[in-house]
C-alpha atoms as a PDB file:
ATOM      1  CA  MET A   1      -7.089  -4.205  -2.139  1.00  0.00           C
ATOM      2  CA  SER A   2      -9.045  -7.268  -3.319  1.00  0.00           C
ATOM      3  CA  ASN A   3     -11.888  -7.027  -5.796  1.00  0.00           C
ATOM      4  CA  GLU A   4     -14.386  -7.084  -2.927  1.00  0.00           C
ATOM      5  CA  THR A   5     -16.833  -4.269  -3.559  1.00  0.00           C
ATOM      6  CA  ILE A   6     -17.883  -1.772  -0.928  1.00  0.00           C
ATOM      7  CA  PRO A   7     -21.363  -1.881   0.672  1.00  0.00           C
ATOM      8  CA  THR A   8     -24.172   0.415  -0.441  1.00  0.00           C
ATOM      9  CA  ALA A   9     -26.543   2.838   1.287  1.00  0.00           C
ATOM     10  CA  PRO A  10     -29.560   4.888   0.160  1.00  0.00           C
ATOM     11  CA  LEU A  11     -28.823   8.463  -0.888  1.00  0.00           C
ATOM     12  CA  GLY A  12     -31.529   9.989   1.274  1.00  0.00           C
ATOM     13  CA  THR A  13     -35.050   8.723   1.855  1.00  0.00           C
ATOM     14  CA  ALA A  14     -36.049   8.864  -1.802  1.00  0.00           C
ATOM     15  CA  GLY A  15     -32.628   8.698  -3.447  1.00  0.00           C
ATOM     16  CA  PRO A  16     -30.815   5.870  -5.245  1.00  0.00           C
ATOM     17  CA  GLU A  17     -28.685   3.197  -3.605  1.00  0.00           C
ATOM     18  CA  VAL A  18     -24.982   4.093  -3.929  1.00  0.00           C
ATOM     19  CA  GLY A  19     -21.638   2.793  -2.717  1.00  0.00           C
ATOM     20  CA  ILE A  20     -20.890   4.035   0.816  1.00  0.00           C
ATOM     21  CA  GLN A  21     -17.909   5.977  -0.536  1.00  0.00           C
ATOM     22  CA  GLY A  22     -18.094   8.114  -3.663  1.00  0.00           C
ATOM     23  CA  LEU A  23     -15.421   9.723  -5.792  1.00  0.00           C
ATOM     24  CA  GLY A  24     -14.780  13.446  -6.042  1.00  0.00           C
ATOM     25  CA  CYS A  25     -13.568  14.112  -9.586  1.00  0.00           C
ATOM     26  CA  MET A  26     -12.511  17.770  -9.276  1.00  0.00           C
ATOM     27  CA  GLY A  27      -8.785  17.149  -8.865  1.00  0.00           C
ATOM     28  CA  MET A  28      -8.590  15.138 -12.078  1.00  0.00           C
ATOM     29  CA  THR A  29      -8.535  18.366 -14.078  1.00  0.00           C
ATOM     30  CA  HIS A  30      -8.655  21.240 -11.613  1.00  0.00           C
ATOM     31  CA  ALA A  31      -7.018  22.931  -8.618  1.00  0.00           C
ATOM     32  CA  TYR A  32      -4.267  20.471  -7.657  1.00  0.00           C
ATOM     33  CA  GLY A  33      -1.682  20.830 -10.384  1.00  0.00           C
ATOM     34  CA  PRO A  34      -0.766  18.621 -13.380  1.00  0.00           C
ATOM     35  CA  THR A  35      -2.627  15.343 -13.969  1.00  0.00           C
ATOM     36  CA  ASP A  36      -1.696  12.062 -15.616  1.00  0.00           C
ATOM     37  CA  THR A  37      -4.906  11.798 -17.632  1.00  0.00           C
ATOM     38  CA  ASP A  38      -4.463   8.121 -18.493  1.00  0.00           C
ATOM     39  CA  GLU A  39      -4.089   7.254 -14.826  1.00  0.00           C
ATOM     40  CA  ALA A  40      -7.068   9.437 -13.920  1.00  0.00           C
ATOM     41  CA  ARG A  41      -9.254   7.628 -16.458  1.00  0.00           C
ATOM     42  CA  ALA A  42      -8.045   4.284 -15.140  1.00  0.00           C
ATOM     43  CA  THR A  43      -8.963   5.451 -11.635  1.00  0.00           C
ATOM     44  CA  LEU A  44     -12.542   6.115 -12.731  1.00  0.00           C
ATOM     45  CA  GLU A  45     -12.807   2.597 -14.135  1.00  0.00           C
ATOM     46  CA  ARG A  46     -11.242   1.010 -11.062  1.00  0.00           C
ATOM     47  CA  ALA A  47     -13.590   2.921  -8.777  1.00  0.00           C
ATOM     48  CA  LEU A  48     -16.640   1.507 -10.536  1.00  0.00           C
ATOM     49  CA  GLU A  49     -15.109  -1.971 -10.460  1.00  0.00           C
ATOM     50  CA  LEU A  50     -14.794  -1.731  -6.656  1.00  0.00           C
ATOM     51  CA  GLY A  51     -18.348  -0.549  -6.046  1.00  0.00           C
ATOM     52  CA  VAL A  52     -18.067   3.240  -6.195  1.00  0.00           C
ATOM     53  CA  THR A  53     -21.196   4.463  -7.964  1.00  0.00           C
ATOM     54  CA  LEU A  54     -21.468   8.149  -6.937  1.00  0.00           C
ATOM     55  CA  PHE A  55     -19.215  10.321  -9.120  1.00  0.00           C
ATOM     56  CA  ASP A  56     -19.119  14.029  -8.282  1.00  0.00           C
ATOM     57  CA  THR A  57     -18.245  16.934 -10.577  1.00  0.00           C
ATOM     58  CA  ALA A  58     -19.368  20.552 -11.139  1.00  0.00           C
ATOM     59  CA  ASP A  59     -19.625  23.008 -13.995  1.00  0.00           C
ATOM     60  CA  ILE A  60     -17.051  25.322 -12.421  1.00  0.00           C
ATOM     61  CA  TYR A  61     -14.287  22.701 -12.133  1.00  0.00           C
ATOM     62  CA  GLY A  62     -11.906  23.790 -14.854  1.00  0.00           C
ATOM     63  CA  PHE A  63     -14.656  25.919 -16.400  1.00  0.00           C
ATOM     64  CA  GLY A  64     -16.529  22.846 -17.619  1.00  0.00           C
ATOM     65  CA  ARG A  65     -13.474  20.814 -18.526  1.00  0.00           C
ATOM     66  CA  ASN A  66     -13.980  18.402 -15.631  1.00  0.00           C
ATOM     67  CA  GLU A  67     -17.423  17.472 -16.928  1.00  0.00           C
ATOM     68  CA  GLU A  68     -15.950  17.000 -20.401  1.00  0.00           C
ATOM     69  CA  PHE A  69     -13.145  14.857 -19.000  1.00  0.00           C
ATOM     70  CA  ILE A  70     -15.424  12.361 -17.251  1.00  0.00           C
ATOM     71  CA  SER A  71     -17.990  12.353 -20.075  1.00  0.00           C
ATOM     72  CA  PRO A  72     -16.658   9.289 -21.964  1.00  0.00           C
ATOM     73  CA  PHE A  73     -16.609   7.264 -18.736  1.00  0.00           C
ATOM     74  CA  VAL A  74     -20.103   8.446 -17.778  1.00  0.00           C
ATOM     75  CA  ARG A  75     -21.609   7.652 -21.164  1.00  0.00           C
ATOM     76  CA  ALA A  76     -19.990   4.216 -21.315  1.00  0.00           C
ATOM     77  CA  ASN A  77     -21.376   3.286 -17.879  1.00  0.00           C
ATOM     78  CA  ARG A  78     -24.508   5.424 -17.694  1.00  0.00           C
ATOM     79  CA  ASP A  79     -26.819   2.827 -16.158  1.00  0.00           C
ATOM     80  CA  ARG A  80     -24.311   1.789 -13.502  1.00  0.00           C
ATOM     81  CA  ILE A  81     -23.427   5.142 -11.948  1.00  0.00           C
ATOM     82  CA  THR A  82     -25.061   7.983 -10.043  1.00  0.00           C
ATOM     83  CA  LEU A  83     -23.803  11.195 -11.621  1.00  0.00           C
ATOM     84  CA  ALA A  84     -23.675  14.374  -9.530  1.00  0.00           C
ATOM     85  CA  SER A  85     -22.952  17.877 -10.816  1.00  0.00           C
ATOM     86  CA  LYS A  86     -23.490  21.400  -9.539  1.00  0.00           C
ATOM     87  CA  PHE A  87     -24.297  24.974 -10.525  1.00  0.00           C
ATOM     88  CA  ALA A  88     -24.083  28.449  -8.944  1.00  0.00           C
ATOM     89  CA  ILE A  89     -20.446  29.581  -8.910  1.00  0.00           C
ATOM     90  CA  VAL A  90     -19.525  31.986 -11.704  1.00  0.00           C
ATOM     91  CA  ARG A  91     -15.862  32.759 -12.388  1.00  0.00           C
ATOM     92  CA  ARG A  92     -13.810  34.167 -15.276  1.00  0.00           C
ATOM     93  CA  GLU A  93     -10.688  32.573 -16.681  1.00  0.00           C
ATOM     94  CA  ASP A  94      -9.259  36.001 -17.511  1.00  0.00           C
ATOM     95  CA  ASP A  95      -9.869  37.349 -13.992  1.00  0.00           C
ATOM     96  CA  PRO A  96      -9.000  34.884 -11.169  1.00  0.00           C
ATOM     97  CA  SER A  97     -10.318  37.306  -8.538  1.00  0.00           C
ATOM     98  CA  TYR A  98     -13.833  37.374  -9.983  1.00  0.00           C
ATOM     99  CA  GLN A  99     -16.552  35.331  -8.308  1.00  0.00           C
ATOM    100  CA  GLU A 100     -20.312  35.586  -8.406  1.00  0.00           C
ATOM    101  CA  ILE A 101     -22.995  33.292  -6.993  1.00  0.00           C
ATOM    102  CA  ARG A 102     -26.138  32.866  -9.085  1.00  0.00           C
ATOM    103  CA  ASN A 103     -29.233  30.974  -7.932  1.00  0.00           C
ATOM    104  CA  ASP A 104     -31.786  32.621 -10.235  1.00  0.00           C
ATOM    105  CA  ARG A 105     -34.126  30.601 -12.429  1.00  0.00           C
ATOM    106  CA  ALA A 106     -32.654  31.725 -15.760  1.00  0.00           C
ATOM    107  CA  TYR A 107     -29.122  30.830 -14.706  1.00  0.00           C
ATOM    108  CA  ILE A 108     -30.153  27.429 -13.345  1.00  0.00           C
ATOM    109  CA  ARG A 109     -31.737  26.507 -16.670  1.00  0.00           C
ATOM    110  CA  GLN A 110     -28.716  27.792 -18.584  1.00  0.00           C
ATOM    111  CA  SER A 111     -26.373  25.829 -16.312  1.00  0.00           C
ATOM    112  CA  VAL A 112     -28.127  22.485 -16.555  1.00  0.00           C
ATOM    113  CA  GLU A 113     -28.215  22.668 -20.341  1.00  0.00           C
ATOM    114  CA  GLY A 114     -24.485  23.396 -20.395  1.00  0.00           C
ATOM    115  CA  SER A 115     -23.704  20.500 -18.052  1.00  0.00           C
ATOM    116  CA  LEU A 116     -25.872  18.056 -19.994  1.00  0.00           C
ATOM    117  CA  ARG A 117     -24.110  19.057 -23.201  1.00  0.00           C
ATOM    118  CA  ARG A 118     -20.599  18.728 -21.778  1.00  0.00           C
ATOM    119  CA  LEU A 119     -21.386  15.432 -20.065  1.00  0.00           C
ATOM    120  CA  GLY A 120     -23.125  14.053 -23.146  1.00  0.00           C
ATOM    121  CA  VAL A 121     -26.128  12.733 -21.214  1.00  0.00           C
ATOM    122  CA  ASP A 122     -29.864  13.430 -21.136  1.00  0.00           C
ATOM    123  CA  HIS A 123     -30.155  13.680 -17.359  1.00  0.00           C
ATOM    124  CA  ILE A 124     -28.102  14.280 -14.199  1.00  0.00           C
ATOM    125  CA  ASP A 125     -28.869  11.975 -11.288  1.00  0.00           C
ATOM    126  CA  LEU A 126     -28.094  14.436  -8.500  1.00  0.00           C
ATOM    127  CA  TYR A 127     -28.016  18.176  -9.211  1.00  0.00           C
ATOM    128  CA  TYR A 128     -26.642  20.438  -6.485  1.00  0.00           C
ATOM    129  CA  MET A 129     -26.915  24.125  -5.797  1.00  0.00           C
ATOM    130  CA  HIS A 130     -23.174  24.598  -5.246  1.00  0.00           C
ATOM    131  CA  ARG A 131     -23.426  27.773  -3.150  1.00  0.00           C
ATOM    132  CA  ARG A 132     -26.257  29.925  -1.781  1.00  0.00           C
ATOM    133  CA  ASN A 133     -27.075  33.487  -2.833  1.00  0.00           C
ATOM    134  CA  VAL A 134     -29.270  34.864  -0.054  1.00  0.00           C
ATOM    135  CA  ASP A 135     -30.692  37.554  -2.338  1.00  0.00           C
ATOM    136  CA  VAL A 136     -32.602  34.895  -4.291  1.00  0.00           C
ATOM    137  CA  PRO A 137     -35.491  33.272  -2.385  1.00  0.00           C
ATOM    138  CA  MET A 138     -34.958  29.570  -1.761  1.00  0.00           C
ATOM    139  CA  GLU A 139     -38.442  28.980  -3.156  1.00  0.00           C
ATOM    140  CA  GLU A 140     -37.382  30.396  -6.515  1.00  0.00           C
ATOM    141  CA  SER A 141     -34.144  28.428  -6.727  1.00  0.00           C
ATOM    142  CA  VAL A 142     -35.470  25.079  -5.584  1.00  0.00           C
ATOM    143  CA  GLY A 143     -38.660  25.665  -7.536  1.00  0.00           C
ATOM    144  CA  ALA A 144     -36.596  26.022 -10.699  1.00  0.00           C
ATOM    145  CA  MET A 145     -34.588  22.916  -9.813  1.00  0.00           C
ATOM    146  CA  ALA A 146     -37.836  21.007  -9.220  1.00  0.00           C
ATOM    147  CA  GLU A 147     -38.955  21.931 -12.731  1.00  0.00           C
ATOM    148  CA  LEU A 148     -35.852  20.176 -14.058  1.00  0.00           C
ATOM    149  CA  VAL A 149     -36.942  17.031 -12.216  1.00  0.00           C
ATOM    150  CA  GLN A 150     -40.402  17.273 -13.755  1.00  0.00           C
ATOM    151  CA  GLU A 151     -38.840  17.638 -17.196  1.00  0.00           C
ATOM    152  CA  GLY A 152     -36.599  14.590 -16.696  1.00  0.00           C
ATOM    153  CA  LYS A 153     -33.340  16.541 -16.932  1.00  0.00           C
ATOM    154  CA  VAL A 154     -32.527  15.889 -13.276  1.00  0.00           C
ATOM    155  CA  ARG A 155     -33.495  12.941 -11.056  1.00  0.00           C
ATOM    156  CA  HIS A 156     -32.707  14.185  -7.538  1.00  0.00           C
ATOM    157  CA  LEU A 157     -31.834  17.518  -5.910  1.00  0.00           C
ATOM    158  CA  GLY A 158     -28.965  18.437  -3.612  1.00  0.00           C
ATOM    159  CA  LEU A 159     -27.609  21.475  -1.790  1.00  0.00           C
ATOM    160  CA  SER A 160     -24.061  22.400  -0.819  1.00  0.00           C
ATOM    161  CA  GLU A 161     -22.905  24.577   2.088  1.00  0.00           C
ATOM    162  CA  VAL A 162     -26.349  25.436   3.430  1.00  0.00           C
ATOM    163  CA  SER A 163     -27.514  26.191   6.956  1.00  0.00           C
ATOM    164  CA  PRO A 164     -30.090  24.043   8.797  1.00  0.00           C
ATOM    165  CA  GLY A 165     -32.813  26.622   8.108  1.00  0.00           C
ATOM    166  CA  GLU A 166     -31.950  26.771   4.427  1.00  0.00           C
ATOM    167  CA  LEU A 167     -32.086  22.993   4.136  1.00  0.00           C
ATOM    168  CA  ARG A 168     -35.506  22.903   5.793  1.00  0.00           C
ATOM    169  CA  ALA A 169     -36.817  25.700   3.551  1.00  0.00           C
ATOM    170  CA  ALA A 170     -35.586  23.921   0.443  1.00  0.00           C
ATOM    171  CA  HIS A 171     -36.967  20.545   1.508  1.00  0.00           C
ATOM    172  CA  ALA A 172     -40.385  22.151   1.988  1.00  0.00           C
ATOM    173  CA  VAL A 173     -40.385  23.079  -1.719  1.00  0.00           C
ATOM    174  CA  HIS A 174     -39.089  19.762  -3.081  1.00  0.00           C
ATOM    175  CA  PRO A 175     -37.467  16.707  -1.431  1.00  0.00           C
ATOM    176  CA  ILE A 176     -33.711  17.094  -1.088  1.00  0.00           C
ATOM    177  CA  ALA A 177     -31.776  13.850  -1.495  1.00  0.00           C
ATOM    178  CA  ALA A 178     -28.363  15.012  -0.291  1.00  0.00           C
ATOM    179  CA  VAL A 179     -26.590  17.909   1.334  1.00  0.00           C
ATOM    180  CA  GLN A 180     -22.877  18.411   0.758  1.00  0.00           C
ATOM    181  CA  SER A 181     -20.386  20.260   2.911  1.00  0.00           C
ATOM    182  CA  GLU A 182     -16.855  19.920   4.198  1.00  0.00           C
ATOM    183  CA  TRP A 183     -16.741  17.406   7.052  1.00  0.00           C
ATOM    184  CA  SER A 184     -13.555  15.864   8.409  1.00  0.00           C
ATOM    185  CA  LEU A 185     -11.411  15.522  11.502  1.00  0.00           C
ATOM    186  CA  PHE A 186     -10.386  19.144  10.841  1.00  0.00           C
ATOM    187  CA  SER A 187     -13.822  20.548   9.873  1.00  0.00           C
ATOM    188  CA  ARG A 188     -16.802  19.802  12.105  1.00  0.00           C
ATOM    189  CA  ASP A 189     -18.825  23.013  12.019  1.00  0.00           C
ATOM    190  CA  VAL A 190     -21.683  21.156  10.267  1.00  0.00           C
ATOM    191  CA  GLU A 191     -22.341  19.281  13.506  1.00  0.00           C
ATOM    192  CA  GLY A 192     -23.202  22.539  15.227  1.00  0.00           C
ATOM    193  CA  GLY A 193     -23.296  21.065  18.708  1.00  0.00           C
ATOM    194  CA  GLY A 194     -26.233  18.898  17.695  1.00  0.00           C
ATOM    195  CA  ASN A 195     -28.103  21.804  16.118  1.00  0.00           C
ATOM    196  CA  GLY A 196     -26.275  21.991  12.793  1.00  0.00           C
ATOM    197  CA  VAL A 197     -27.100  20.909   9.281  1.00  0.00           C
ATOM    198  CA  VAL A 198     -26.214  17.304  10.150  1.00  0.00           C
ATOM    199  CA  ALA A 199     -29.102  17.195  12.636  1.00  0.00           C
ATOM    200  CA  ALA A 200     -31.427  18.840  10.100  1.00  0.00           C
ATOM    201  CA  ALA A 201     -30.429  16.272   7.468  1.00  0.00           C
ATOM    202  CA  LYS A 202     -31.189  13.426   9.878  1.00  0.00           C
ATOM    203  CA  GLU A 203     -34.554  14.965  10.729  1.00  0.00           C
ATOM    204  CA  LEU A 204     -35.520  15.260   7.046  1.00  0.00           C
ATOM    205  CA  GLY A 205     -34.108  11.946   5.812  1.00  0.00           C
ATOM    206  CA  VAL A 206     -31.430  13.669   3.732  1.00  0.00           C
ATOM    207  CA  ALA A 207     -28.077  11.973   3.077  1.00  0.00           C
ATOM    208  CA  PHE A 208     -24.892  13.826   3.960  1.00  0.00           C
ATOM    209  CA  VAL A 209     -22.065  13.890   1.416  1.00  0.00           C
ATOM    210  CA  PRO A 210     -18.835  15.146   3.024  1.00  0.00           C
ATOM    211  CA  TYR A 211     -16.412  16.728   0.588  1.00  0.00           C
ATOM    212  CA  SER A 212     -12.712  17.079   1.419  1.00  0.00           C
ATOM    213  CA  PRO A 213     -12.947  14.341   4.087  1.00  0.00           C
ATOM    214  CA  LEU A 214      -9.141  14.156   3.940  1.00  0.00           C
ATOM    215  CA  GLY A 215      -8.687  17.882   4.496  1.00  0.00           C
ATOM    216  CA  ARG A 216      -7.561  18.336   0.864  1.00  0.00           C
ATOM    217  CA  GLY A 217      -4.753  15.890   1.479  1.00  0.00           C
ATOM    218  CA  PHE A 218      -3.414  17.473   4.663  1.00  0.00           C
ATOM    219  CA  LEU A 219      -4.858  14.713   6.865  1.00  0.00           C
ATOM    220  CA  THR A 220      -2.906  12.124   4.880  1.00  0.00           C
ATOM    221  CA  GLY A 221       0.411  13.669   5.904  1.00  0.00           C
ATOM    222  CA  ALA A 222       1.292  14.122   2.236  1.00  0.00           C
ATOM    223  CA  PHE A 223       2.398  17.694   2.839  1.00  0.00           C
ATOM    224  CA  VAL A 224       2.909  20.031   5.774  1.00  0.00           C
ATOM    225  CA  SER A 225       3.272  23.491   4.264  1.00  0.00           C
ATOM    226  CA  ALA A 226       1.383  24.208   1.043  1.00  0.00           C
ATOM    227  CA  ASP A 227       3.323  27.381   0.255  1.00  0.00           C
ATOM    228  CA  LYS A 228       6.658  25.560   0.583  1.00  0.00           C
ATOM    229  CA  GLU A 229       5.856  22.105  -0.814  1.00  0.00           C
ATOM    230  CA  LEU A 230       3.106  22.483  -3.435  1.00  0.00           C
ATOM    231  CA  GLY A 231       3.296  23.919  -6.947  1.00  0.00           C
ATOM    232  CA  GLN A 232       2.422  27.492  -7.841  1.00  0.00           C
ATOM    233  CA  ASP A 233      -0.795  26.364  -9.553  1.00  0.00           C
ATOM    234  CA  ASP A 234      -2.017  24.381  -6.533  1.00  0.00           C
ATOM    235  CA  TRP A 235      -5.120  25.997  -5.048  1.00  0.00           C
ATOM    236  CA  ARG A 236      -4.260  24.847  -1.520  1.00  0.00           C
ATOM    237  CA  ARG A 237      -1.598  27.543  -1.358  1.00  0.00           C
ATOM    238  CA  THR A 238      -4.460  30.041  -0.877  1.00  0.00           C
ATOM    239  CA  GLN A 239      -5.974  28.296   2.134  1.00  0.00           C
ATOM    240  CA  PRO A 240      -5.124  29.577   5.624  1.00  0.00           C
ATOM    241  CA  ARG A 241      -4.913  26.154   7.276  1.00  0.00           C
ATOM    242  CA  PHE A 242      -2.147  24.921   5.058  1.00  0.00           C
ATOM    243  CA  THR A 243       0.273  27.841   5.049  1.00  0.00           C
ATOM    244  CA  GLY A 244       2.597  29.671   7.428  1.00  0.00           C
ATOM    245  CA  ASP A 245       2.390  29.131  11.175  1.00  0.00           C
ATOM    246  CA  ASN A 246      -1.075  27.573  10.846  1.00  0.00           C
ATOM    247  CA  ALA A 247       0.318  24.705   8.788  1.00  0.00           C
ATOM    248  CA  ALA A 248       2.971  23.850  11.365  1.00  0.00           C
ATOM    249  CA  ALA A 249       0.464  23.986  14.223  1.00  0.00           C
ATOM    250  CA  ASN A 250      -2.031  21.826  12.363  1.00  0.00           C
ATOM    251  CA  ALA A 251       0.564  19.241  11.356  1.00  0.00           C
ATOM    252  CA  ALA A 252       1.216  18.634  15.053  1.00  0.00           C
ATOM    253  CA  LEU A 253      -2.451  17.712  15.508  1.00  0.00           C
ATOM    254  CA  LEU A 254      -1.988  14.595  13.390  1.00  0.00           C
ATOM    255  CA  GLU A 255      -0.042  12.720  16.075  1.00  0.00           C
ATOM    256  CA  PRO A 256      -3.051  10.794  17.486  1.00  0.00           C
ATOM    257  CA  VAL A 257      -4.055   9.926  13.914  1.00  0.00           C
ATOM    258  CA  ARG A 258      -0.570   8.463  13.380  1.00  0.00           C
ATOM    259  CA  GLU A 259      -0.789   6.422  16.581  1.00  0.00           C
ATOM    260  CA  ILE A 260      -4.174   4.970  15.670  1.00  0.00           C
ATOM    261  CA  ALA A 261      -3.031   4.259  12.123  1.00  0.00           C
ATOM    262  CA  ALA A 262      -0.036   2.335  13.450  1.00  0.00           C
ATOM    263  CA  ALA A 263      -2.280   0.277  15.729  1.00  0.00           C
ATOM    264  CA  HIS A 264      -4.467  -0.714  12.768  1.00  0.00           C
ATOM    265  CA  GLY A 265      -1.624  -1.196  10.296  1.00  0.00           C
ATOM    266  CA  ALA A 266      -3.375   1.518   8.291  1.00  0.00           C
ATOM    267  CA  SER A 267      -2.525   4.875   6.742  1.00  0.00           C
ATOM    268  CA  LEU A 268      -3.442   8.279   8.127  1.00  0.00           C
ATOM    269  CA  ALA A 269      -5.898   8.658   5.258  1.00  0.00           C
ATOM    270  CA  GLN A 270      -7.659   5.445   6.179  1.00  0.00           C
ATOM    271  CA  VAL A 271      -8.094   6.505   9.800  1.00  0.00           C
ATOM    272  CA  ALA A 272      -9.418   9.932   8.752  1.00  0.00           C
ATOM    273  CA  LEU A 273     -11.886   8.324   6.336  1.00  0.00           C
ATOM    274  CA  ALA A 274     -12.955   5.661   8.821  1.00  0.00           C
ATOM    275  CA  TRP A 275     -13.765   8.470  11.265  1.00  0.00           C
ATOM    276  CA  VAL A 276     -15.974  10.170   8.664  1.00  0.00           C
ATOM    277  CA  GLN A 277     -17.671   6.906   7.695  1.00  0.00           C
ATOM    278  CA  GLN A 278     -18.522   6.275  11.360  1.00  0.00           C
ATOM    279  CA  ARG A 279     -20.321   9.602  11.591  1.00  0.00           C
ATOM    280  CA  ALA A 280     -23.237   7.689  10.045  1.00  0.00           C
ATOM    281  CA  ALA A 281     -23.634   5.565  13.171  1.00  0.00           C
ATOM    282  CA  VAL A 282     -22.835   8.435  15.530  1.00  0.00           C
ATOM    283  CA  HIS A 283     -25.462  10.769  14.065  1.00  0.00           C
ATOM    284  CA  GLY A 284     -27.946   8.275  12.654  1.00  0.00           C
ATOM    285  CA  LEU A 285     -27.999   9.276   8.990  1.00  0.00           C
ATOM    286  CA  THR A 286     -26.524   8.157   5.682  1.00  0.00           C
ATOM    287  CA  VAL A 287     -22.987   9.514   5.159  1.00  0.00           C
ATOM    288  CA  ILE A 288     -21.314   9.103   1.754  1.00  0.00           C
ATOM    289  CA  PRO A 289     -17.888  10.820   1.732  1.00  0.00           C
ATOM    290  CA  ILE A 290     -16.389  11.700  -1.648  1.00  0.00           C
ATOM    291  CA  PRO A 291     -12.600  11.793  -1.281  1.00  0.00           C
ATOM    292  CA  GLY A 292     -10.935  12.904  -4.461  1.00  0.00           C
ATOM    293  CA  THR A 293      -8.025  11.139  -6.095  1.00  0.00           C
ATOM    294  CA  ARG A 294      -6.607  10.605  -9.560  1.00  0.00           C
ATOM    295  CA  LYS A 295      -4.526   7.522  -8.717  1.00  0.00           C
ATOM    296  CA  ARG A 296      -5.707   3.916  -8.485  1.00  0.00           C
ATOM    297  CA  SER A 297      -3.397   3.209  -5.557  1.00  0.00           C
ATOM    298  CA  ARG A 298      -4.916   6.051  -3.508  1.00  0.00           C
ATOM    299  CA  LEU A 299      -8.424   5.013  -4.511  1.00  0.00           C
ATOM    300  CA  GLU A 300      -7.866   1.475  -3.250  1.00  0.00           C
ATOM    301  CA  GLU A 301      -6.321   2.826  -0.041  1.00  0.00           C
ATOM    302  CA  ASN A 302      -9.342   5.081   0.513  1.00  0.00           C
ATOM    303  CA  LEU A 303     -11.878   2.329  -0.133  1.00  0.00           C
ATOM    304  CA  ALA A 304     -10.128   0.000   2.320  1.00  0.00           C
ATOM    305  CA  ALA A 305     -11.085   2.502   5.029  1.00  0.00           C
ATOM    306  CA  THR A 306     -14.684   1.291   4.732  1.00  0.00           C
ATOM    307  CA  ARG A 307     -13.534  -1.913   6.475  1.00  0.00           C
ATOM    308  CA  ILE A 308     -11.919  -0.159   9.459  1.00  0.00           C
ATOM    309  CA  THR A 309     -13.869   0.390  12.674  1.00  0.00           C
ATOM    310  CA  LEU A 310     -12.460   2.728  15.287  1.00  0.00           C
ATOM    311  CA  ASN A 311     -13.179   1.836  18.921  1.00  0.00           C
ATOM    312  CA  ALA A 312     -14.479   4.182  21.590  1.00  0.00           C
ATOM    313  CA  GLU A 313     -11.006   4.927  22.940  1.00  0.00           C
ATOM    314  CA  GLU A 314      -9.717   5.811  19.478  1.00  0.00           C
ATOM    315  CA  LEU A 315     -12.702   8.016  18.727  1.00  0.00           C
ATOM    316  CA  ALA A 316     -12.145   9.808  22.048  1.00  0.00           C
ATOM    317  CA  ALA A 317      -8.500  10.461  21.114  1.00  0.00           C
ATOM    318  CA  LEU A 318      -9.582  12.033  17.819  1.00  0.00           C
ATOM    319  CA  GLU A 319     -12.429  14.077  19.314  1.00  0.00           C
ATOM    320  CA  PRO A 320     -10.446  17.220  20.344  1.00  0.00           C
ATOM    321  CA  ILE A 321      -8.629  17.717  17.027  1.00  0.00           C
ATOM    322  CA  ALA A 322     -11.125  19.925  15.184  1.00  0.00           C
ATOM    323  CA  GLY A 323     -11.352  22.371  18.077  1.00  0.00           C
ATOM    324  CA  LYS A 324      -7.607  22.991  17.923  1.00  0.00           C
ATOM    325  CA  VAL A 325      -7.263  23.614  14.172  1.00  0.00           C
ATOM    326  CA  ALA A 326      -5.641  26.949  13.290  1.00  0.00           C
ATOM    327  CA  GLY A 327      -7.115  28.960  10.426  1.00  0.00           C
ATOM    328  CA  ASN A 328     -10.368  28.880   8.482  1.00  0.00           C
ATOM    329  CA  ARG A 329     -11.055  26.322   5.770  1.00  0.00           C
ATOM    330  CA  TYR A 330     -11.307  29.120   3.169  1.00  0.00           C
ATOM    331  CA  ALA A 331      -9.648  32.523   3.039  1.00  0.00           C
ATOM    332  CA  ASP A 332     -13.153  33.964   2.531  1.00  0.00           C
ATOM    333  CA  MET A 333     -15.878  32.124   4.480  1.00  0.00           C
ATOM    334  CA  THR A 334     -18.677  34.328   3.102  1.00  0.00           C
ATOM    335  CA  PHE A 335     -20.186  31.652   0.886  1.00  0.00           C
ATOM    336  CA  THR A 336     -20.036  28.802   3.375  1.00  0.00           C
ATOM    337  CA  SER A 337     -22.885  27.845   5.669  1.00  0.00           C
ATOM    338  CA  VAL A 338     -20.809  29.053   8.641  1.00  0.00           C
ATOM    339  CA  GLY A 339     -20.624  32.488   7.078  1.00  0.00           C
ATOM    340  CA  ARG A 340     -24.424  32.781   7.314  1.00  0.00           C
ATOM    341  CA  GLU A 341     -24.979  31.371  10.798  1.00  0.00           C
END
């Protein structure tokens, strides 16, 4: 890829201008097996060089180690990037089965202080509620997040995996800049037949930030069966779509993606990302996908997708895929927006 930088778009009505593709940093230290840390750091630098300005992490990624890992890069380029982090998921290193979701005021304040310390900054540009605990009123959670904005610790607020009603309730308390959820050729539940959170985001002027736009690598054709091809410490081995009979069935769904990729002289990943990028025009809202990678070559491949436009015939060929996918996107869908609709 040349040094041509990607275009920008506003992160919601009141949010900052960011590159139209961001970078998910989770995999640099968490979930996907061993990392070449030097290459991962070089990938961060190359991303910024090519116009990526939204960098996404969370306190739970590696139990804070992901925030610590990107800290030197963040501090060295603080005025040039939009830094996103998240709170809400509580796990224990000594008990992999343990998970709790906390949205209470005390925990939010504790979490932001921890993230600021690990990141080595005095504010976070975009602070997400990572998951929703329905036992805590949205007014309390977003009210506490709004206090962080007033105190200068946070610039903009975001939500992840929320329903349309939850997004509207939150936005009524304080403007929400971005909503994040899984959105890809394999995962389209957020569209909700025109009545999903995508429509609510458009209505409210909220940007949509799709995570896992490459189906955690499956849409790239990099692997077929997670339980047979990926390492024991790779989190994807726990996901129903990528194992057993589901994996084989889903791999067959990539054939139209391959055909379109061949026609464009592109990769499967580029076609999948181009499809996500074009959701902006289809639904009339800002869409900033955050594919994750720890390699410069993959980063450049992903960013090149911003220059691919799929025609109506190609979009029609890709349209049926999501409806044929076998298996849920998580083994436990309880804490996704779908689990509450």
